[in-house]
């Protein structure tokens, strides 16, 4: 079987998936912040999953249009950035539902070989560390190509990130800037060595 290698050069289109559906989510602020601080070689668009129904295999034969649109958005991205809270030591149910839709029907996994970074913020001291491990386990099974370092667990304190994404603490701003530079470097490496459909 011959594989057609598609050349990828910057700018890279990064699909942003915010793990919370809340408009007031601190992770939505974090998503804005990292986009502001990212290198210009990364271009961002949000991949919404708010309209997805609950996944059931009964719909595999007649996939809903919302799920088809979601999968197309995932496939059209060069890389993916998950920005998620931690719910009950795991990930939000709506996010898991979206991931399930993107992986089905069997053999039509939209996540496979995509360069992926995971980051999250929480008022708690561990800053989504356990939730991220849950997400990483799922993404690993789905063959997403995860950036493993640096890890980014943001302890969100009042005023840390403004509503427009401005970071008010210099050390956090520098860390997030470095995280996104590393994501750019990682994305470029993955897209160089792994053929994309």
Protein backbone atom coordinates (compact mmCIF):
# COMPACT_ATOMS: atom_id res chain seq x y z
CA UNK A 1 0.00 0.00 0.00
CA UNK A 2 1.40 3.39 -0.98
CA UNK A 3 1.11 6.29 1.46
CA UNK A 4 0.96 9.78 0.04
CA UNK A 5 3.01 12.11 2.22
CA UNK A 6 1.53 15.57 2.52
CA UNK A 7 4.10 18.29 3.11
CA UNK A 8 3.26 20.42 6.12
CA UNK A 9 4.83 23.80 6.66
CA UNK A 10 3.88 26.66 8.96
CA UNK A 11 1.49 28.11 9.70
CA UNK A 12 0.00 25.05 11.37
CA UNK A 13 -3.76 25.00 12.02
CA UNK A 14 -4.36 24.05 15.64
CA UNK A 15 -7.80 22.90 16.71
CA UNK A 16 -8.49 24.01 20.28
CA UNK A 17 -10.79 21.81 22.36
CA UNK A 18 -11.85 23.39 25.65
CA UNK A 19 -12.86 20.70 28.11
CA UNK A 20 -15.59 22.77 29.74
CA UNK A 21 -18.80 23.91 28.07
CA UNK A 22 -19.14 26.76 30.57
CA UNK A 23 -18.77 30.25 29.12
CA UNK A 24 -17.15 31.32 32.40
CA UNK A 25 -14.66 28.47 32.43
CA UNK A 26 -11.18 29.32 33.71
CA UNK A 27 -9.92 26.90 31.05
CA UNK A 28 -11.50 29.04 28.34
CA UNK A 29 -9.42 31.92 29.73
CA UNK A 30 -6.36 29.69 29.68
CA UNK A 31 -7.08 28.75 26.07
CA UNK A 32 -7.18 32.44 25.15
CA UNK A 33 -3.97 33.05 27.05
CA UNK A 34 -1.93 30.38 25.30
CA UNK A 35 -3.20 31.52 21.92
CA UNK A 36 -2.05 35.06 22.69
CA UNK A 37 1.37 33.82 23.77
CA UNK A 38 1.91 31.28 20.99
CA UNK A 39 4.42 31.69 18.16
CA UNK A 40 2.98 33.14 14.93
CA UNK A 41 3.55 29.81 13.18
CA UNK A 42 0.49 28.47 14.99
CA UNK A 43 -3.02 29.48 13.89
CA UNK A 44 -5.96 28.56 16.12
CA UNK A 45 -9.61 27.71 15.75
CA UNK A 46 -11.95 26.29 18.36
CA UNK A 47 -13.55 22.93 17.74
CA UNK A 48 -16.97 23.01 19.38
CA UNK A 49 -18.74 19.88 20.57
CA UNK A 50 -21.67 21.47 22.39
CA UNK A 51 -24.22 20.14 19.87
CA UNK A 52 -23.15 16.50 19.98
CA UNK A 53 -25.74 14.05 21.30
CA UNK A 54 -24.69 11.29 23.67
CA UNK A 55 -22.73 8.69 21.75
CA UNK A 56 -24.36 5.34 21.09
CA UNK A 57 -23.27 2.67 18.64
CA UNK A 58 -26.86 2.58 17.36
CA UNK A 59 -26.07 5.78 15.41
CA UNK A 60 -22.92 4.45 13.71
CA UNK A 61 -24.83 3.47 10.58
CA UNK A 62 -26.41 6.91 10.25
CA UNK A 63 -23.93 9.32 11.80
CA UNK A 64 -25.52 12.62 12.93
CA UNK A 65 -24.44 15.70 11.00
CA UNK A 66 -23.10 17.35 14.17
CA UNK A 67 -20.76 14.40 14.66
CA UNK A 68 -19.67 14.41 11.02
CA UNK A 69 -18.90 18.13 11.28
CA UNK A 70 -16.97 17.58 14.50
CA UNK A 71 -14.86 14.82 12.99
CA UNK A 72 -14.15 16.94 9.91
CA UNK A 73 -12.95 19.80 12.12
CA UNK A 74 -10.61 17.39 13.92
CA UNK A 75 -9.32 15.95 10.66
CA UNK A 76 -8.79 19.40 9.12
CA UNK A 77 -6.47 20.45 11.94
CA UNK A 78 -2.71 19.95 11.75
CA UNK A 79 -2.53 19.62 15.53
CA UNK A 80 -4.82 19.67 18.56
CA UNK A 81 -4.66 21.49 21.87
CA UNK A 82 -6.80 20.20 24.74
CA UNK A 83 -7.42 22.74 27.51
CA UNK A 84 -9.44 21.00 30.18
CA UNK A 85 -10.56 21.12 33.79
CA UNK A 86 -10.59 18.11 36.09
CA UNK A 87 -13.97 16.74 37.17
CA UNK A 88 -14.01 14.16 39.96
CA UNK A 89 -10.41 13.10 39.25
CA UNK A 90 -11.15 12.61 35.56
CA UNK A 91 -12.27 14.63 32.54
CA UNK A 92 -15.67 16.24 31.94
CA UNK A 93 -18.29 13.87 30.56
CA UNK A 94 -19.04 16.12 27.59
CA UNK A 95 -15.37 16.03 26.55
CA UNK A 96 -15.23 12.23 26.81
CA UNK A 97 -18.40 12.05 24.73
CA UNK A 98 -16.79 14.20 22.03
CA UNK A 99 -13.67 12.04 22.02
CA UNK A 100 -15.84 8.95 21.63
CA UNK A 101 -17.68 10.48 18.65
CA UNK A 102 -14.36 11.33 17.03
CA UNK A 103 -13.17 7.75 17.32
CA UNK A 104 -16.18 5.99 15.81
CA UNK A 105 -17.38 4.08 13.86
CA UNK A 106 -14.66 1.49 14.45
CA UNK A 107 -11.80 2.02 12.01
CA UNK A 108 -12.61 5.70 11.42
CA UNK A 109 -10.62 7.27 14.24
CA UNK A 110 -10.10 10.99 13.58
CA UNK A 111 -7.56 11.34 16.42
CA UNK A 112 -4.96 8.94 15.07
CA UNK A 113 -1.49 10.42 14.45
CA UNK A 114 -2.54 13.98 15.30
CA UNK A 115 0.07 15.97 17.27
CA UNK A 116 -1.60 16.77 20.60
CA UNK A 117 -0.81 18.89 23.65
CA UNK A 118 -2.75 18.83 26.92
CA UNK A 119 -2.96 21.66 29.44
CA UNK A 120 -5.42 22.60 32.16
CA UNK A 121 -6.18 24.99 35.00
CA UNK A 122 -7.96 24.51 38.30
CA UNK A 123 -8.40 26.44 41.56
CA UNK A 124 -7.08 23.29 43.25
CA UNK A 125 -3.39 22.91 44.08
CA UNK A 126 -2.82 19.99 41.71
CA UNK A 127 -4.08 21.99 38.74
CA UNK A 128 -5.82 19.18 36.75
CA UNK A 129 -2.92 16.71 37.02
CA UNK A 130 -5.13 13.67 37.63
CA UNK A 131 -7.69 14.69 35.01
CA UNK A 132 -4.93 15.11 32.46
CA UNK A 133 -3.64 11.61 33.16
CA UNK A 134 -7.13 10.27 32.47
CA UNK A 135 -7.28 12.19 29.20
CA UNK A 136 -3.79 11.07 28.21
CA UNK A 137 -4.73 7.43 28.74
CA UNK A 138 -7.67 7.78 26.35
CA UNK A 139 -5.64 9.70 23.76
CA UNK A 140 -2.91 7.07 23.94
CA UNK A 141 -5.37 4.31 23.11
CA UNK A 142 -6.59 6.41 20.17
CA UNK A 143 -3.03 6.74 18.79
CA UNK A 144 -2.84 10.51 19.17
CA UNK A 145 0.78 11.70 19.21
CA UNK A 146 1.06 13.39 22.60
CA UNK A 147 3.64 15.93 23.65
CA UNK A 148 4.77 14.55 27.01
CA UNK A 149 6.92 17.45 28.20
CA UNK A 150 6.63 20.07 29.42
CA UNK A 151 3.59 19.17 31.48
CA UNK A 152 1.31 22.07 32.34
CA UNK A 153 -0.89 21.99 35.44
CA UNK A 154 -1.96 25.57 36.16
CA UNK A 155 -3.05 26.51 39.67
CA UNK A 156 -5.63 29.16 38.82
CA UNK A 157 -5.82 31.95 41.37
CA UNK A 158 -8.13 34.99 41.19
CA UNK A 159 -6.82 37.51 38.68
CA UNK A 160 -4.18 35.20 37.18
CA UNK A 161 -5.72 35.41 33.70
CA UNK A 162 -8.02 38.23 32.65
CA UNK A 163 -11.21 37.63 30.64
CA UNK A 164 -9.40 38.54 27.41
CA UNK A 165 -6.60 36.03 28.06
CA UNK A 166 -4.01 38.43 29.44
CA UNK A 167 -1.77 36.73 32.01
CA UNK A 168 -0.98 38.97 34.98
CA UNK A 169 1.86 36.99 36.56
CA UNK A 170 5.16 37.22 34.68
CA UNK A 171 6.43 33.76 35.62
CA UNK A 172 3.20 32.11 34.49
CA UNK A 173 3.24 34.08 31.26
CA UNK A 174 6.78 32.96 30.52
CA UNK A 175 5.94 29.33 31.33
CA UNK A 176 2.93 29.37 29.00
CA UNK A 177 4.97 31.03 26.25
CA UNK A 178 7.61 28.31 26.57
CA UNK A 179 4.92 25.60 26.56
CA UNK A 180 3.58 26.87 23.24
CA UNK A 181 7.06 27.15 21.69
CA UNK A 182 7.64 23.53 22.65
CA UNK A 183 4.27 22.60 21.14
CA UNK A 184 5.25 24.26 17.88
CA UNK A 185 8.53 22.35 17.83
CA UNK A 186 6.78 19.09 18.64
CA UNK A 187 4.10 19.62 15.99
CA UNK A 188 6.74 20.30 13.34
CA UNK A 189 8.59 17.09 14.25
CA UNK A 190 5.48 14.93 14.17
CA UNK A 191 4.28 16.34 10.88
CA UNK A 192 7.72 15.77 9.39
CA UNK A 193 7.95 12.08 10.24
CA UNK A 194 4.34 10.84 10.29
CA UNK A 195 2.32 10.99 7.06
CA UNK A 196 -1.00 12.76 7.49
CA UNK A 197 -4.09 11.87 5.50
